[in-house]
N, C-alpha and C. Protein backbone atom coordinates (compact mmCIF):
# COMPACT_ATOMS: atom_id res chain seq x y z
N MET A 1 0.88 -1.17 -0.13
CA MET A 1 0.10 -0.01 0.02
C MET A 1 0.93 1.20 0.03
N PHE A 2 1.92 1.37 0.90
CA PHE A 2 2.59 2.63 0.77
C PHE A 2 3.30 2.82 -0.43
N SER A 3 3.90 1.65 -1.07
CA SER A 3 4.77 2.09 -2.46
C SER A 3 3.52 2.56 -3.36
N TYR A 4 1.97 2.02 -3.35
CA TYR A 4 1.13 2.58 -4.29
C TYR A 4 0.95 3.91 -4.09
N ALA A 5 0.72 4.37 -2.89
CA ALA A 5 0.29 5.60 -2.40
C ALA A 5 1.20 6.67 -2.45
N THR A 6 2.55 6.18 -2.87
CA THR A 6 3.82 7.41 -2.85
C THR A 6 4.48 7.18 -4.12
N ASP A 7 3.99 6.31 -5.37
CA ASP A 7 4.52 6.15 -6.64
C ASP A 7 3.82 7.17 -7.38
N PRO A 8 4.63 7.91 -7.85
CA PRO A 8 4.08 9.27 -8.75
C PRO A 8 3.62 8.72 -10.05
N SER A 9 4.35 7.45 -10.69
CA SER A 9 3.86 6.81 -11.87
C SER A 9 2.37 6.40 -11.70
N ARG A 10 1.96 6.19 -10.52
CA ARG A 10 0.47 5.76 -10.23
C ARG A 10 -0.41 6.90 -9.98
N PHE A 11 -0.01 8.21 -9.67
CA PHE A 11 -0.84 8.98 -9.20
C PHE A 11 -2.23 9.34 -10.00
N GLY A 12 -1.81 9.07 -11.48
CA GLY A 12 -3.04 9.50 -12.13
C GLY A 12 -4.09 8.33 -12.25
N GLU A 13 -3.93 7.08 -11.48
CA GLU A 13 -4.86 6.28 -11.11
C GLU A 13 -6.03 6.82 -10.06
N TRP A 14 -5.61 7.52 -9.31
CA TRP A 14 -6.35 8.03 -8.32
C TRP A 14 -6.67 9.37 -8.11
N GLN A 15 -5.37 10.12 -8.69
CA GLN A 15 -5.59 11.62 -8.44
C GLN A 15 -6.27 12.51 -9.90
N ALA A 16 -7.47 13.48 -9.88
CA ALA A 16 -7.77 14.11 -10.77
C ALA A 16 -6.73 14.82 -11.43
N GLY A 17 -6.67 14.88 -12.80
CA GLY A 17 -5.79 15.85 -13.29
C GLY A 17 -4.41 15.54 -13.31
N VAL A 18 -3.71 14.55 -12.88
CA VAL A 18 -2.43 13.91 -12.99
C VAL A 18 -2.28 13.07 -14.69
N VAL A 19 -1.57 13.90 -15.25
CA VAL A 19 -1.03 13.33 -16.88
C VAL A 19 -0.15 12.14 -16.53
N SER A 20 1.16 12.65 -15.82
CA SER A 20 2.20 11.75 -15.85
C SER A 20 2.80 11.83 -14.36
N GLY A 21 3.84 11.31 -14.14
CA GLY A 21 4.79 11.28 -13.01
C GLY A 21 5.66 10.36 -12.67
N HIS A 22 6.98 10.62 -12.17
CA HIS A 22 8.11 9.86 -11.97
C HIS A 22 8.97 10.53 -11.39
N ILE A 23 9.87 9.51 -10.56
CA ILE A 23 10.74 9.98 -9.80
C ILE A 23 12.21 9.69 -10.53
N GLU A 24 13.06 10.97 -10.47
CA GLU A 24 14.33 10.61 -11.05
C GLU A 24 15.44 10.54 -9.82
N SER A 25 15.99 9.49 -9.98
CA SER A 25 17.21 9.17 -8.99
C SER A 25 17.85 7.96 -9.63
N ASP A 26 19.19 8.09 -8.98
CA ASP A 26 20.04 6.64 -9.11
C ASP A 26 19.88 5.51 -8.17
N GLY A 27 18.83 4.54 -8.49
CA GLY A 27 18.51 3.43 -7.94
C GLY A 27 17.30 3.85 -7.30
N HIS A 28 17.10 3.43 -5.83
CA HIS A 28 16.00 3.39 -5.05
C HIS A 28 15.78 5.07 -4.55
N PRO A 29 14.43 5.58 -4.61
CA PRO A 29 14.26 7.05 -4.34
C PRO A 29 14.94 7.11 -3.11
N GLY A 30 15.29 8.33 -2.77
CA GLY A 30 15.48 8.82 -1.39
C GLY A 30 15.52 10.03 -1.19
N VAL A 31 16.02 10.57 -0.08
CA VAL A 31 15.92 11.97 0.39
C VAL A 31 16.80 12.94 -0.71
N GLY A 32 16.17 13.78 -1.23
CA GLY A 32 17.00 14.47 -2.42
C GLY A 32 16.73 14.07 -3.78
N SER A 33 15.75 13.17 -3.91
CA SER A 33 15.51 12.45 -5.46
C SER A 33 14.47 13.42 -5.69
N THR A 34 14.31 13.79 -7.10
CA THR A 34 13.26 14.59 -7.40
C THR A 34 12.01 14.06 -8.19
N CYS A 35 10.73 14.57 -7.85
CA CYS A 35 9.87 14.07 -8.43
C CYS A 35 9.33 14.90 -9.61
N ILE A 36 8.85 14.37 -10.55
CA ILE A 36 8.62 15.13 -11.52
C ILE A 36 6.95 15.02 -12.07
N MET A 37 6.22 15.82 -11.87
CA MET A 37 4.58 15.81 -12.16
C MET A 37 4.22 16.59 -13.16
N THR A 38 3.39 15.89 -14.05
CA THR A 38 2.58 16.82 -14.92
C THR A 38 1.02 16.69 -14.68
N ARG A 39 0.59 17.91 -14.75
CA ARG A 39 -1.13 17.74 -14.27
C ARG A 39 -1.54 18.63 -15.18
N ARG A 40 -2.89 18.45 -15.51
CA ARG A 40 -3.62 19.10 -16.35
C ARG A 40 -4.41 20.17 -15.29
N ILE A 41 -3.86 21.36 -15.56
CA ILE A 41 -4.35 22.58 -14.90
C ILE A 41 -5.20 23.56 -15.73
N GLY A 42 -6.28 24.05 -15.66
CA GLY A 42 -7.09 24.74 -16.51
C GLY A 42 -7.10 24.50 -17.91
N GLY A 43 -7.00 23.56 -18.51
CA GLY A 43 -6.97 23.33 -19.86
C GLY A 43 -5.67 23.04 -20.57
N SER A 44 -4.59 23.22 -19.73
CA SER A 44 -3.18 23.34 -20.30
C SER A 44 -2.51 22.27 -19.15
N GLU A 45 -1.24 21.68 -19.70
CA GLU A 45 -0.59 20.80 -19.03
C GLU A 45 0.83 21.39 -18.45
N ARG A 46 0.86 21.38 -17.06
CA ARG A 46 1.86 21.90 -16.50
C ARG A 46 2.86 21.07 -15.41
N THR A 47 4.11 21.06 -15.90
CA THR A 47 4.94 20.29 -14.91
C THR A 47 5.69 20.87 -13.89
N SER A 48 5.96 20.30 -12.47
CA SER A 48 6.49 20.90 -11.54
C SER A 48 7.49 19.76 -11.05
N THR A 49 8.37 20.20 -10.31
CA THR A 49 9.43 19.30 -9.68
C THR A 49 9.32 19.54 -8.25
N SER A 50 9.27 18.36 -7.43
CA SER A 50 9.42 18.33 -6.03
C SER A 50 10.52 17.51 -5.45
N GLU A 51 11.14 17.72 -4.37
CA GLU A 51 12.08 17.00 -3.93
C GLU A 51 11.40 16.42 -2.72
N ILE A 52 12.05 14.81 -2.83
CA ILE A 52 11.71 14.20 -1.70
C ILE A 52 12.61 14.61 -0.10
N THR A 53 11.99 14.91 0.70
CA THR A 53 12.37 15.45 1.74
C THR A 53 12.36 14.44 3.13
N GLN A 54 11.56 13.54 2.77
CA GLN A 54 11.63 12.27 4.05
C GLN A 54 11.05 10.98 3.07
N ILE A 55 11.73 10.07 3.65
CA ILE A 55 11.05 8.67 3.20
C ILE A 55 11.59 7.51 3.97
N ASP A 56 10.57 7.12 4.74
CA ASP A 56 10.76 6.10 5.57
C ASP A 56 9.61 4.65 5.49
N PRO A 57 9.88 4.05 4.31
CA PRO A 57 8.98 3.04 3.90
C PRO A 57 8.98 2.16 5.26
N PRO A 58 7.73 1.55 5.53
CA PRO A 58 6.42 1.68 4.82
C PRO A 58 5.69 2.58 5.54
N ARG A 59 6.39 3.84 6.28
CA ARG A 59 5.53 4.65 7.15
C ARG A 59 5.40 6.01 6.62
N THR A 60 6.18 6.89 6.02
CA THR A 60 6.13 7.99 5.74
C THR A 60 6.96 8.59 4.65
N TRP A 61 6.51 9.37 3.97
CA TRP A 61 6.83 9.96 2.54
C TRP A 61 6.72 11.55 2.49
N ALA A 62 7.41 12.22 2.03
CA ALA A 62 7.19 13.76 1.99
C ALA A 62 8.09 14.24 0.99
N VAL A 63 7.44 15.16 0.24
CA VAL A 63 8.12 16.05 -0.83
C VAL A 63 7.87 17.54 -0.60
N ARG A 64 8.73 18.47 -1.24
CA ARG A 64 8.53 19.74 -1.15
C ARG A 64 8.71 20.48 -2.51
N GLY A 65 7.93 21.08 -3.01
CA GLY A 65 7.86 21.77 -4.42
C GLY A 65 9.04 22.81 -4.47
N ILE A 66 9.81 22.43 -5.57
CA ILE A 66 11.05 23.33 -5.56
C ILE A 66 10.94 24.17 -6.85
N ASP A 67 10.01 24.39 -7.53
CA ASP A 67 9.87 25.17 -8.83
C ASP A 67 8.40 25.68 -8.98
N GLY A 68 8.12 26.50 -10.19
CA GLY A 68 6.95 27.19 -10.14
C GLY A 68 6.20 28.13 -9.22
N PRO A 69 5.42 28.84 -9.87
CA PRO A 69 4.89 30.05 -8.76
C PRO A 69 4.01 29.53 -7.63
N VAL A 70 3.43 28.40 -7.59
CA VAL A 70 2.97 27.48 -6.51
C VAL A 70 3.41 26.36 -6.17
N ARG A 71 4.04 26.15 -5.22
CA ARG A 71 4.67 25.01 -4.66
C ARG A 71 3.91 23.96 -3.91
N ALA A 72 3.81 22.96 -4.08
CA ALA A 72 3.08 22.01 -3.04
C ALA A 72 4.01 21.29 -2.11
N ASP A 73 3.60 21.19 -0.78
CA ASP A 73 4.37 20.32 0.12
C ASP A 73 3.33 19.34 0.48
N VAL A 74 3.62 18.14 0.30
CA VAL A 74 2.96 16.68 0.69
C VAL A 74 3.63 15.80 1.51
N THR A 75 2.86 15.43 2.53
CA THR A 75 3.48 14.17 3.64
C THR A 75 2.22 13.07 3.65
N VAL A 76 2.55 12.01 3.18
CA VAL A 76 1.99 10.83 3.39
C VAL A 76 2.55 9.92 4.52
N THR A 77 1.38 9.66 5.39
CA THR A 77 1.60 9.02 6.38
C THR A 77 0.71 7.79 6.74
N VAL A 78 1.33 6.43 6.81
CA VAL A 78 0.68 5.38 6.76
C VAL A 78 0.71 4.51 8.36
N THR A 79 -0.48 4.42 8.78
CA THR A 79 -0.39 3.73 10.34
C THR A 79 -0.93 2.62 10.36
N PRO A 80 -0.38 1.57 10.46
CA PRO A 80 -0.92 0.14 10.86
C PRO A 80 -2.11 0.26 11.68
N LEU A 81 -3.15 -0.47 11.60
CA LEU A 81 -4.15 -0.60 12.47
C LEU A 81 -4.20 -2.19 12.87
N GLY A 82 -4.47 -2.11 14.33
CA GLY A 82 -4.86 -3.72 14.69
C GLY A 82 -3.68 -4.63 14.35
N ASP A 83 -3.86 -5.63 13.74
CA ASP A 83 -3.03 -6.70 13.37
C ASP A 83 -2.06 -6.37 12.09
N GLY A 84 -2.37 -5.25 11.72
CA GLY A 84 -1.59 -4.78 10.41
C GLY A 84 -2.47 -5.32 9.25
N GLY A 85 -3.48 -5.74 9.34
CA GLY A 85 -4.11 -6.12 8.17
C GLY A 85 -4.71 -4.83 7.28
N GLN A 86 -4.89 -3.96 8.15
CA GLN A 86 -5.42 -2.71 7.89
C GLN A 86 -4.82 -1.43 8.09
N SER A 87 -4.55 -0.30 7.44
CA SER A 87 -3.95 0.75 7.73
C SER A 87 -4.67 2.13 7.37
N HIS A 88 -4.19 3.17 8.28
CA HIS A 88 -4.83 4.44 7.78
C HIS A 88 -3.95 5.35 7.08
N VAL A 89 -4.18 5.94 5.99
CA VAL A 89 -3.51 6.67 5.20
C VAL A 89 -3.78 8.34 5.45
N THR A 90 -2.68 9.19 5.96
CA THR A 90 -3.21 10.44 6.36
C THR A 90 -2.11 11.11 5.01
N ILE A 91 -2.86 12.13 4.19
CA ILE A 91 -2.15 12.87 3.36
C ILE A 91 -2.50 14.43 3.59
N GLN A 92 -1.17 14.97 4.11
CA GLN A 92 -1.22 16.52 4.46
C GLN A 92 -0.65 17.40 3.15
N LEU A 93 -1.33 18.17 2.76
CA LEU A 93 -0.90 18.90 1.75
C LEU A 93 -1.13 20.30 1.92
N GLY A 94 -0.07 21.31 1.55
CA GLY A 94 0.11 22.61 1.71
C GLY A 94 0.70 23.39 0.70
N PHE A 95 0.54 24.43 0.62
CA PHE A 95 0.84 25.50 -0.83
C PHE A 95 1.93 26.70 -0.40
N ARG A 96 2.37 26.89 -1.03
CA ARG A 96 3.54 28.22 -0.85
C ARG A 96 3.30 28.68 -2.15
N GLY A 97 3.49 29.93 -2.17
CA GLY A 97 3.46 30.91 -3.31
C GLY A 97 4.87 31.68 -3.62
N HIS A 98 5.16 31.58 -4.92
CA HIS A 98 6.55 32.61 -5.14
C HIS A 98 5.92 33.39 -6.51
N GLY A 99 6.65 34.61 -6.28
CA GLY A 99 5.88 35.59 -7.33
C GLY A 99 4.56 35.50 -7.38
N ILE A 100 4.13 35.72 -8.68
CA ILE A 100 2.67 35.64 -9.03
C ILE A 100 1.90 35.00 -8.22
N GLY A 101 2.67 33.64 -7.94
CA GLY A 101 1.95 32.59 -7.21
C GLY A 101 1.44 32.74 -5.88
N LYS A 102 1.78 34.12 -5.29
CA LYS A 102 1.34 34.17 -3.78
C LYS A 102 0.15 34.93 -3.89
N VAL A 103 -0.44 35.31 -4.85
CA VAL A 103 -2.05 35.80 -5.42
C VAL A 103 -2.98 34.39 -5.81
N LEU A 104 -2.13 33.44 -6.38
CA LEU A 104 -2.84 32.13 -6.79
C LEU A 104 -3.19 31.07 -5.79
N VAL A 105 -2.21 31.35 -4.92
CA VAL A 105 -2.55 30.11 -3.68
C VAL A 105 -4.01 30.10 -3.22
N PRO A 106 -4.54 31.30 -2.94
CA PRO A 106 -6.25 30.91 -2.63
C PRO A 106 -6.93 30.25 -3.71
N VAL A 107 -6.71 30.47 -5.02
CA VAL A 107 -7.51 29.75 -6.03
C VAL A 107 -7.02 28.07 -6.19
N VAL A 108 -6.04 27.94 -5.89
CA VAL A 108 -5.07 26.57 -5.72
C VAL A 108 -5.61 26.00 -4.65
N VAL A 109 -5.81 26.42 -3.50
CA VAL A 109 -6.47 25.84 -2.36
C VAL A 109 -7.68 25.47 -2.74
N ARG A 110 -8.56 26.53 -3.23
CA ARG A 110 -9.97 26.21 -3.49
C ARG A 110 -10.31 25.10 -4.40
N GLN A 111 -9.32 25.10 -5.24
CA GLN A 111 -9.39 23.58 -6.31
C GLN A 111 -9.00 22.60 -5.59
N ALA A 112 -8.12 22.69 -4.96
CA ALA A 112 -7.76 21.33 -4.08
C ALA A 112 -8.56 20.83 -3.19
N SER A 113 -9.32 21.90 -2.45
CA SER A 113 -10.40 21.43 -1.66
C SER A 113 -11.48 20.74 -2.41
N LYS A 114 -11.84 20.78 -3.36
CA LYS A 114 -12.70 20.09 -4.31
C LYS A 114 -12.18 19.00 -4.85
N GLU A 115 -10.94 18.68 -5.29
CA GLU A 115 -10.57 17.56 -5.67
C GLU A 115 -9.82 16.45 -4.78
N VAL A 116 -9.03 16.84 -3.77
CA VAL A 116 -8.54 15.90 -2.90
C VAL A 116 -9.59 15.11 -2.10
N PRO A 117 -10.69 15.44 -1.53
CA PRO A 117 -11.35 14.41 -0.87
C PRO A 117 -11.97 13.40 -1.98
N GLN A 118 -12.17 13.74 -3.28
CA GLN A 118 -12.35 12.87 -4.33
C GLN A 118 -11.14 11.61 -4.35
N SER A 119 -10.09 12.37 -4.69
CA SER A 119 -8.99 11.54 -4.63
C SER A 119 -8.75 10.58 -3.87
N CYS A 120 -8.74 11.16 -2.42
CA CYS A 120 -8.56 10.09 -1.29
C CYS A 120 -9.40 9.17 -1.18
N GLN A 121 -10.92 9.57 -1.77
CA GLN A 121 -11.84 8.25 -1.86
C GLN A 121 -11.35 7.49 -2.82
N ASN A 122 -10.97 7.77 -4.06
CA ASN A 122 -10.61 6.86 -5.10
C ASN A 122 -9.40 6.13 -4.77
N LEU A 123 -8.07 6.59 -4.03
CA LEU A 123 -7.35 5.87 -3.37
C LEU A 123 -7.93 4.82 -2.47
N LYS A 124 -8.74 5.09 -1.61
CA LYS A 124 -9.18 4.00 -0.54
C LYS A 124 -9.88 3.06 -1.38
N GLN A 125 -10.62 3.20 -2.43
CA GLN A 125 -11.15 2.17 -3.08
C GLN A 125 -10.33 1.29 -3.87
N ARG A 126 -9.64 1.96 -4.45
CA ARG A 126 -8.30 1.23 -5.15
C ARG A 126 -7.60 0.46 -4.18
N LEU A 127 -7.35 0.60 -2.94
CA LEU A 127 -6.69 -0.02 -2.22
C LEU A 127 -7.43 -1.13 -1.34
N GLU A 128 -8.85 -0.90 -1.19
CA GLU A 128 -9.54 -1.70 -0.55
C GLU A 128 -10.19 -2.99 -1.65
N ARG A 129 -10.01 -2.63 -2.84
CA ARG A 129 -10.22 -3.61 -3.89
C ARG A 129 -8.93 -4.36 -4.43
N GLY A 130 -7.95 -3.92 -4.07
CA GLY A 130 -6.66 -4.46 -4.65
C GLY A 130 -6.07 -4.28 -5.51
N GLU A 131 -6.53 -3.05 -6.17
CA GLU A 131 -5.95 -2.52 -7.56
C GLU A 131 -4.78 -1.89 -7.59
N ASN A 132 -4.13 -1.97 -6.48
CA ASN A 132 -2.78 -1.41 -6.34
C ASN A 132 -1.60 -2.44 -6.62
N GLN A 133 -2.14 -3.71 -7.03
CA GLN A 133 -0.81 -4.60 -7.44
C GLN A 133 0.06 -3.97 -8.82
C-alpha cells in the first residue's frame, strides 16, 4: 500500500488531473531525489518538480515543491491498524506561493479542497479492492 500511495507513476490512477509522474534517482528513491509531475490545470498541462524530503517505508513519504509559482508540500503517513491487516493513510497538503503565485495560492487551495477528498476516496477504493498491485 505504501509503495502505491507514494508512486508518482501511479498517481493518475487515483488523482484527478494527473497526466504523468516519475521519480528521478540513481537506484532507489531517497531524500534529495526529484519527483516530476505533469498535471492538467485549467485546460493546459503544467510540469512541476518536487524534492523528496523524507522517506521511511512503509510509514512516511514527504516532498517539497521546488519550482513554479505555486509549490506543493505533501506528506503521506501510513499507520497500521490492529494486526496490520489494515492501515490508515493520512495525506497532508500545503501550498506556498512565489512571485505571482502568492496571489494564486487561494485559487489553488479552493480547487484542491474540491479535488482532494475525491482523490482520497479513489485511493481508498483502489486499495480496498486490491487494484494497487
